[in-house]
């Protein structure tokens, strides 16, 4: 518990109150899940990223490879 409290930066008294009342926010639950199951959290985020990328492609929110390379070169000069 101490490790989770430290990683979430939730004060101990607040953490135990939320745990007793099952009143963690969705963001807090996600953060705790990432701590308890880092591999599953990584896979979830990867799948979500792929799903979002597919939606971007379908919606035409893409850039040509050469345009990206040119933009990076401009930034580095």
PDB file of N, CA and C in Angstrom:
ATOM      1  N   UNK A   1       0.821  -1.191   0.000  1.00  0.00           N
ATOM      2  CA  UNK A   1       0.000   0.000   0.000  1.00  0.00           C
ATOM      3  C   UNK A   1       0.863   1.252   0.000  1.00  0.00           C
ATOM      4  N   UNK A   2       1.936   1.209   0.766  1.00  0.00           N
ATOM      5  CA  UNK A   2       2.803   2.387   0.848  1.00  0.00           C
ATOM      6  C   UNK A   2       3.344   2.755  -0.528  1.00  0.00           C
ATOM      7  N   UNK A   3       3.704   1.756  -1.308  1.00  0.00           N
ATOM      8  CA  UNK A   3       4.237   2.018  -2.647  1.00  0.00           C
ATOM      9  C   UNK A   3       3.183   2.681  -3.526  1.00  0.00           C
ATOM     10  N   UNK A   4       1.962   2.179  -3.497  1.00  0.00           N
ATOM     11  CA  UNK A   4       0.876   2.750  -4.305  1.00  0.00           C
ATOM     12  C   UNK A   4       0.595   4.183  -3.869  1.00  0.00           C
ATOM     13  N   UNK A   5       0.558   4.411  -2.572  1.00  0.00           N
ATOM     14  CA  UNK A   5       0.328   5.761  -2.052  1.00  0.00           C
ATOM     15  C   UNK A   5       1.428   6.706  -2.525  1.00  0.00           C
ATOM     16  N   UNK A   6       2.654   6.233  -2.455  1.00  0.00           N
ATOM     17  CA  UNK A   6       3.790   7.057  -2.883  1.00  0.00           C
ATOM     18  C   UNK A   6       3.707   7.365  -4.374  1.00  0.00           C
ATOM     19  N   UNK A   7       3.416   6.362  -5.185  1.00  0.00           N
ATOM     20  CA  UNK A   7       3.379   6.539  -6.637  1.00  0.00           C
ATOM     21  C   UNK A   7       2.196   7.397  -7.101  1.00  0.00           C
ATOM     22  N   UNK A   8       1.066   7.286  -6.427  1.00  0.00           N
ATOM     23  CA  UNK A   8      -0.113   8.066  -6.825  1.00  0.00           C
ATOM     24  C   UNK A   8      -0.090   9.475  -6.244  1.00  0.00           C
ATOM     25  N   UNK A   9       0.766   9.686  -5.258  1.00  0.00           N
ATOM     26  CA  UNK A   9       0.884  10.985  -4.571  1.00  0.00           C
ATOM     27  C   UNK A   9      -0.431  11.411  -3.914  1.00  0.00           C
ATOM     28  N   UNK A  10      -1.231  10.422  -3.534  1.00  0.00           N
ATOM     29  CA  UNK A  10      -2.453  10.684  -2.769  1.00  0.00           C
ATOM     30  C   UNK A  10      -2.063  10.605  -1.304  1.00  0.00           C
ATOM     31  N   UNK A  11      -2.399  11.625  -0.509  1.00  0.00           N
ATOM     32  CA  UNK A  11      -2.060  11.554   0.918  1.00  0.00           C
ATOM     33  C   UNK A  11      -2.634  10.275   1.549  1.00  0.00           C
ATOM     34  N   UNK A  12      -1.883   9.654   2.459  1.00  0.00           N
ATOM     35  CA  UNK A  12      -2.331   8.371   3.037  1.00  0.00           C
ATOM     36  C   UNK A  12      -3.743   8.399   3.602  1.00  0.00           C
ATOM     37  N   UNK A  13      -4.079   9.430   4.357  1.00  0.00           N
ATOM     38  CA  UNK A  13      -5.425   9.480   4.948  1.00  0.00           C
ATOM     39  C   UNK A  13      -6.493   9.529   3.856  1.00  0.00           C
ATOM     40  N   UNK A  14      -6.240  10.298   2.819  1.00  0.00           N
ATOM     41  CA  UNK A  14      -7.188  10.397   1.706  1.00  0.00           C
ATOM     42  C   UNK A  14      -7.279   9.073   0.966  1.00  0.00           C
ATOM     43  N   UNK A  15      -6.126   8.432   0.747  1.00  0.00           N
ATOM     44  CA  UNK A  15      -6.105   7.152   0.051  1.00  0.00           C
ATOM     45  C   UNK A  15      -6.966   6.124   0.786  1.00  0.00           C
ATOM     46  N   UNK A  16      -6.757   5.982   2.102  1.00  0.00           N
ATOM     47  CA  UNK A  16      -7.507   4.990   2.871  1.00  0.00           C
ATOM     48  C   UNK A  16      -8.997   5.342   2.946  1.00  0.00           C
ATOM     49  N   UNK A  17      -9.315   6.634   2.991  1.00  0.00           N
ATOM     50  CA  UNK A  17     -10.727   7.053   2.996  1.00  0.00           C
ATOM     51  C   UNK A  17     -11.372   6.685   1.664  1.00  0.00           C
ATOM     52  N   UNK A  18     -10.660   6.964   0.570  1.00  0.00           N
ATOM     53  CA  UNK A  18     -11.199   6.629  -0.746  1.00  0.00           C
ATOM     54  C   UNK A  18     -11.317   5.117  -0.924  1.00  0.00           C
ATOM     55  N   UNK A  19     -10.348   4.384  -0.397  1.00  0.00           N
ATOM     56  CA  UNK A  19     -10.394   2.936  -0.512  1.00  0.00           C
ATOM     57  C   UNK A  19     -11.585   2.386   0.278  1.00  0.00           C
ATOM     58  N   UNK A  20     -11.804   2.900   1.468  1.00  0.00           N
ATOM     59  CA  UNK A  20     -12.909   2.428   2.300  1.00  0.00           C
ATOM     60  C   UNK A  20     -14.255   2.736   1.650  1.00  0.00           C
ATOM     61  N   UNK A  21     -14.355   3.923   1.044  1.00  0.00           N
ATOM     62  CA  UNK A  21     -15.619   4.328   0.434  1.00  0.00           C
ATOM     63  C   UNK A  21     -15.720   4.039  -1.049  1.00  0.00           C
ATOM     64  N   UNK A  22     -14.715   3.370  -1.607  1.00  0.00           N
ATOM     65  CA  UNK A  22     -14.678   3.087  -3.053  1.00  0.00           C
ATOM     66  C   UNK A  22     -14.977   4.346  -3.857  1.00  0.00           C
ATOM     67  N   UNK A  23     -14.240   5.417  -3.536  1.00  0.00           N
ATOM     68  CA  UNK A  23     -14.531   6.699  -4.174  1.00  0.00           C
ATOM     69  C   UNK A  23     -13.353   7.256  -4.970  1.00  0.00           C
ATOM     70  N   UNK A  24     -12.512   6.375  -5.494  1.00  0.00           N
ATOM     71  CA  UNK A  24     -11.425   6.838  -6.353  1.00  0.00           C
ATOM     72  C   UNK A  24     -12.007   7.375  -7.652  1.00  0.00           C
ATOM     73  N   UNK A  25     -11.364   8.386  -8.214  1.00  0.00           N
ATOM     74  CA  UNK A  25     -11.788   8.898  -9.514  1.00  0.00           C
ATOM     75  C   UNK A  25     -11.350   7.900 -10.586  1.00  0.00           C
ATOM     76  N   UNK A  26     -11.953   7.977 -11.768  1.00  0.00           N
ATOM     77  CA  UNK A  26     -11.519   7.076 -12.845  1.00  0.00           C
ATOM     78  C   UNK A  26     -10.021   7.211 -13.151  1.00  0.00           C
ATOM     79  N   UNK A  27      -9.489   8.423 -13.118  1.00  0.00           N
ATOM     80  CA  UNK A  27      -8.059   8.616 -13.366  1.00  0.00           C
ATOM     81  C   UNK A  27      -7.208   7.953 -12.288  1.00  0.00           C
ATOM     82  N   UNK A  28      -7.647   8.040 -11.043  1.00  0.00           N
ATOM     83  CA  UNK A  28      -6.915   7.404  -9.947  1.00  0.00           C
ATOM     84  C   UNK A  28      -6.944   5.882 -10.076  1.00  0.00           C
ATOM     85  N   UNK A  29      -8.095   5.347 -10.458  1.00  0.00           N
ATOM     86  CA  UNK A  29      -8.217   3.894 -10.643  1.00  0.00           C
ATOM     87  C   UNK A  29      -7.292   3.438 -11.763  1.00  0.00           C
ATOM     88  N   UNK A  30      -7.243   4.201 -12.847  1.00  0.00           N
ATOM     89  CA  UNK A  30      -6.366   3.849 -13.954  1.00  0.00           C
ATOM     90  C   UNK A  30      -4.902   3.893 -13.526  1.00  0.00           C
ATOM     91  N   UNK A  31      -4.541   4.888 -12.757  1.00  0.00           N
ATOM     92  CA  UNK A  31      -3.166   4.996 -12.273  1.00  0.00           C
ATOM     93  C   UNK A  31      -2.811   3.822 -11.361  1.00  0.00           C
ATOM     94  N   UNK A  32      -3.716   3.441 -10.483  1.00  0.00           N
ATOM     95  CA  UNK A  32      -3.481   2.304  -9.588  1.00  0.00           C
ATOM     96  C   UNK A  32      -3.384   1.013 -10.398  1.00  0.00           C
ATOM     97  N   UNK A  33      -4.248   0.866 -11.397  1.00  0.00           N
ATOM     98  CA  UNK A  33      -4.205  -0.326 -12.246  1.00  0.00           C
ATOM     99  C   UNK A  33      -2.865  -0.435 -12.973  1.00  0.00           C
ATOM    100  N   UNK A  34      -2.342   0.698 -13.412  1.00  0.00           N
ATOM    101  CA  UNK A  34      -1.039   0.692 -14.091  1.00  0.00           C
ATOM    102  C   UNK A  34       0.070   0.242 -13.136  1.00  0.00           C
ATOM    103  N   UNK A  35      -0.044   0.622 -11.881  1.00  0.00           N
ATOM    104  CA  UNK A  35       0.958   0.234 -10.892  1.00  0.00           C
ATOM    105  C   UNK A  35       0.853  -1.264 -10.595  1.00  0.00           C
ATOM    106  N   UNK A  36      -0.379  -1.757 -10.464  1.00  0.00           N
ATOM    107  CA  UNK A  36      -0.582  -3.159 -10.106  1.00  0.00           C
ATOM    108  C   UNK A  36      -0.351  -4.118 -11.272  1.00  0.00           C
ATOM    109  N   UNK A  37      -0.669  -3.673 -12.493  1.00  0.00           N
ATOM    110  CA  UNK A  37      -0.552  -4.524 -13.684  1.00  0.00           C
ATOM    111  C   UNK A  37       0.097  -3.747 -14.817  1.00  0.00           C
ATOM    112  N   UNK A  38       1.376  -3.447 -14.726  1.00  0.00           N
ATOM    113  CA  UNK A  38       2.009  -2.594 -15.741  1.00  0.00           C
ATOM    114  C   UNK A  38       1.977  -3.183 -17.150  1.00  0.00           C
ATOM    115  N   UNK A  39       2.110  -4.494 -17.283  1.00  0.00           N
ATOM    116  CA  UNK A  39       2.093  -5.098 -18.617  1.00  0.00           C
ATOM    117  C   UNK A  39       0.717  -4.971 -19.259  1.00  0.00           C
ATOM    118  N   UNK A  40      -0.332  -5.233 -18.488  1.00  0.00           N
ATOM    119  CA  UNK A  40      -1.683  -5.102 -19.016  1.00  0.00           C
ATOM    120  C   UNK A  40      -1.991  -3.654 -19.360  1.00  0.00           C
ATOM    121  N   UNK A  41      -1.531  -2.724 -18.533  1.00  0.00           N
ATOM    122  CA  UNK A  41      -1.752  -1.309 -18.805  1.00  0.00           C
ATOM    123  C   UNK A  41      -1.050  -0.893 -20.091  1.00  0.00           C
ATOM    124  N   UNK A  42       0.172  -1.393 -20.281  1.00  0.00           N
ATOM    125  CA  UNK A  42       0.911  -1.083 -21.507  1.00  0.00           C
ATOM    126  C   UNK A  42       0.164  -1.614 -22.728  1.00  0.00           C
ATOM    127  N   UNK A  43      -0.304  -2.852 -22.662  1.00  0.00           N
ATOM    128  CA  UNK A  43      -1.041  -3.432 -23.788  1.00  0.00           C
ATOM    129  C   UNK A  43      -2.322  -2.661 -24.062  1.00  0.00           C
ATOM    130  N   UNK A  44      -3.019  -2.249 -23.015  1.00  0.00           N
ATOM    131  CA  UNK A  44      -4.241  -1.464 -23.180  1.00  0.00           C
ATOM    132  C   UNK A  44      -3.934  -0.152 -23.891  1.00  0.00           C
ATOM    133  N   UNK A  45      -2.878   0.550 -23.449  1.00  0.00           N
ATOM    134  CA  UNK A  45      -2.517   1.821 -24.060  1.00  0.00           C
ATOM    135  C   UNK A  45      -2.079   1.630 -25.507  1.00  0.00           C
ATOM    136  N   UNK A  46      -1.362   0.555 -25.787  1.00  0.00           N
ATOM    137  CA  UNK A  46      -0.925   0.264 -27.148  1.00  0.00           C
ATOM    138  C   UNK A  46      -2.122   0.013 -28.057  1.00  0.00           C
ATOM    139  N   UNK A  47      -3.065  -0.806 -27.593  1.00  0.00           N
ATOM    140  CA  UNK A  47      -4.266  -1.086 -28.385  1.00  0.00           C
ATOM    141  C   UNK A  47      -5.086   0.180 -28.604  1.00  0.00           C
ATOM    142  N   UNK A  48      -5.185   1.013 -27.582  1.00  0.00           N
ATOM    143  CA  UNK A  48      -5.915   2.274 -27.695  1.00  0.00           C
ATOM    144  C   UNK A  48      -5.236   3.195 -28.710  1.00  0.00           C
ATOM    145  N   UNK A  49      -3.925   3.243 -28.685  1.00  0.00           N
ATOM    146  CA  UNK A  49      -3.169   4.058 -29.626  1.00  0.00           C
ATOM    147  C   UNK A  49      -3.378   3.579 -31.061  1.00  0.00           C
ATOM    148  N   UNK A  50      -3.372   2.278 -31.266  1.00  0.00           N
ATOM    149  CA  UNK A  50      -3.607   1.722 -32.599  1.00  0.00           C
ATOM    150  C   UNK A  50      -5.018   2.039 -33.072  1.00  0.00           C
ATOM    151  N   UNK A  51      -5.994   1.904 -32.184  1.00  0.00           N
ATOM    152  CA  UNK A  51      -7.384   2.220 -32.541  1.00  0.00           C
ATOM    153  C   UNK A  51      -7.511   3.691 -32.937  1.00  0.00           C
ATOM    154  N   UNK A  52      -6.874   4.582 -32.160  1.00  0.00           N
ATOM    155  CA  UNK A  52      -6.918   6.003 -32.476  1.00  0.00           C
ATOM    156  C   UNK A  52      -6.238   6.297 -33.806  1.00  0.00           C
ATOM    157  N   UNK A  53      -5.129   5.621 -34.078  1.00  0.00           N
ATOM    158  CA  UNK A  53      -4.416   5.819 -35.344  1.00  0.00           C
ATOM    159  C   UNK A  53      -5.285   5.391 -36.524  1.00  0.00           C
ATOM    160  N   UNK A  54      -5.984   4.277 -36.380  1.00  0.00           N
ATOM    161  CA  UNK A  54      -6.867   3.819 -37.454  1.00  0.00           C
ATOM    162  C   UNK A  54      -7.986   4.822 -37.705  1.00  0.00           C
ATOM    163  N   UNK A  55      -8.525   5.394 -36.638  1.00  0.00           N
ATOM    164  CA  UNK A  55      -9.565   6.414 -36.784  1.00  0.00           C
ATOM    165  C   UNK A  55      -9.008   7.657 -37.478  1.00  0.00           C
ATOM    166  N   UNK A  56      -7.782   8.041 -37.129  1.00  0.00           N
ATOM    167  CA  UNK A  56      -7.146   9.187 -37.781  1.00  0.00           C
ATOM    168  C   UNK A  56      -6.980   8.940 -39.273  1.00  0.00           C
ATOM    169  N   UNK A  57      -6.563   7.741 -39.638  1.00  0.00           N
ATOM    170  CA  UNK A  57      -6.383   7.405 -41.044  1.00  0.00           C
ATOM    171  C   UNK A  57      -7.710   7.479 -41.780  1.00  0.00           C
ATOM    172  N   UNK A  58      -8.762   6.897 -41.206  1.00  0.00           N
ATOM    173  CA  UNK A  58     -10.083   6.932 -41.838  1.00  0.00           C
ATOM    174  C   UNK A  58     -10.593   8.359 -42.004  1.00  0.00           C
ATOM    175  N   UNK A  59     -10.271   9.229 -41.032  1.00  0.00           N
ATOM    176  CA  UNK A  59     -10.747  10.612 -41.069  1.00  0.00           C
ATOM    177  C   UNK A  59      -9.825  11.522 -41.884  1.00  0.00           C
ATOM    178  N   UNK A  60      -8.746  10.954 -42.415  1.00  0.00           N
ATOM    179  CA  UNK A  60      -7.830  11.751 -43.229  1.00  0.00           C
ATOM    180  C   UNK A  60      -6.882  12.629 -42.436  1.00  0.00           C
ATOM    181  N   UNK A  61      -6.742  12.362 -41.167  1.00  0.00           N
ATOM    182  CA  UNK A  61      -5.834  13.152 -40.325  1.00  0.00           C
ATOM    183  C   UNK A  61      -4.440  12.524 -40.368  1.00  0.00           C
ATOM    184  N   UNK A  62      -3.806  12.631 -41.530  1.00  0.00           N
ATOM    185  CA  UNK A  62      -2.491  12.058 -41.713  1.00  0.00           C
ATOM    186  C   UNK A  62      -1.566  13.070 -42.375  1.00  0.00           C
ATOM    187  N   UNK A  63      -0.275  12.783 -42.367  1.00  0.00           N
ATOM    188  CA  UNK A  63       0.727  13.612 -43.022  1.00  0.00           C
ATOM    189  C   UNK A  63       1.571  12.716 -43.918  1.00  0.00           C
ATOM    190  N   UNK A  64       2.025  13.276 -45.025  1.00  0.00           N
ATOM    191  CA  UNK A  64       2.927  12.534 -45.890  1.00  0.00           C
ATOM    192  C   UNK A  64       4.281  12.427 -45.204  1.00  0.00           C
ATOM    193  N   UNK A  65       4.931  11.296 -45.411  1.00  0.00           N
ATOM    194  CA  UNK A  65       6.224  11.038 -44.780  1.00  0.00           C
ATOM    195  C   UNK A  65       7.219  12.153 -45.095  1.00  0.00           C
ATOM    196  N   UNK A  66       7.317  12.539 -46.352  1.00  0.00           N
ATOM    197  CA  UNK A  66       8.287  13.557 -46.733  1.00  0.00           C
ATOM    198  C   UNK A  66       7.989  14.900 -46.073  1.00  0.00           C
ATOM    199  N   UNK A  67       6.710  15.236 -45.898  1.00  0.00           N
ATOM    200  CA  UNK A  67       6.349  16.484 -45.219  1.00  0.00           C
ATOM    201  C   UNK A  67       6.830  16.466 -43.769  1.00  0.00           C
ATOM    202  N   UNK A  68       6.712  15.332 -43.112  1.00  0.00           N
ATOM    203  CA  UNK A  68       7.162  15.201 -41.726  1.00  0.00           C
ATOM    204  C   UNK A  68       8.680  15.344 -41.655  1.00  0.00           C
ATOM    205  N   UNK A  69       9.389  14.680 -42.559  1.00  0.00           N
ATOM    206  CA  UNK A  69      10.848  14.759 -42.591  1.00  0.00           C
ATOM    207  C   UNK A  69      11.289  16.203 -42.826  1.00  0.00           C
ATOM    208  N   UNK A  70      10.645  16.871 -43.772  1.00  0.00           N
ATOM    209  CA  UNK A  70      10.986  18.273 -44.057  1.00  0.00           C
ATOM    210  C   UNK A  70      10.754  19.158 -42.834  1.00  0.00           C
ATOM    211  N   UNK A  71       9.668  18.938 -42.136  1.00  0.00           N
ATOM    212  CA  UNK A  71       9.350  19.722 -40.944  1.00  0.00           C
ATOM    213  C   UNK A  71      10.395  19.487 -39.835  1.00  0.00           C
ATOM    214  N   UNK A  72      10.804  18.256 -39.659  1.00  0.00           N
ATOM    215  CA  UNK A  72      11.830  17.934 -38.654  1.00  0.00           C
ATOM    216  C   UNK A  72      13.146  18.599 -39.014  1.00  0.00           C
ATOM    217  N   UNK A  73      13.494  18.554 -40.277  1.00  0.00           N
ATOM    218  CA  UNK A  73      14.739  19.198 -40.712  1.00  0.00           C
ATOM    219  C   UNK A  73      14.712  20.706 -40.442  1.00  0.00           C
ATOM    220  N   UNK A  74      13.558  21.326 -40.684  1.00  0.00           N
ATOM    221  CA  UNK A  74      13.417  22.764 -40.407  1.00  0.00           C
ATOM    222  C   UNK A  74      13.604  23.044 -38.927  1.00  0.00           C
ATOM    223  N   UNK A  75      13.026  22.194 -38.092  1.00  0.00           N
ATOM    224  CA  UNK A  75      13.114  22.366 -36.645  1.00  0.00           C
ATOM    225  C   UNK A  75      14.560  22.222 -36.151  1.00  0.00           C
ATOM    226  N   UNK A  76      15.318  21.342 -36.774  1.00  0.00           N
ATOM    227  CA  UNK A  76      16.684  21.084 -36.331  1.00  0.00           C
ATOM    228  C   UNK A  76      17.691  22.121 -36.820  1.00  0.00           C
ATOM    229  N   UNK A  77      17.319  22.931 -37.786  1.00  0.00           N
ATOM    230  CA  UNK A  77      18.255  23.943 -38.305  1.00  0.00           C
ATOM    231  C   UNK A  77      18.314  25.159 -37.428  1.00  0.00           C
TER     232      UNK A  77
END
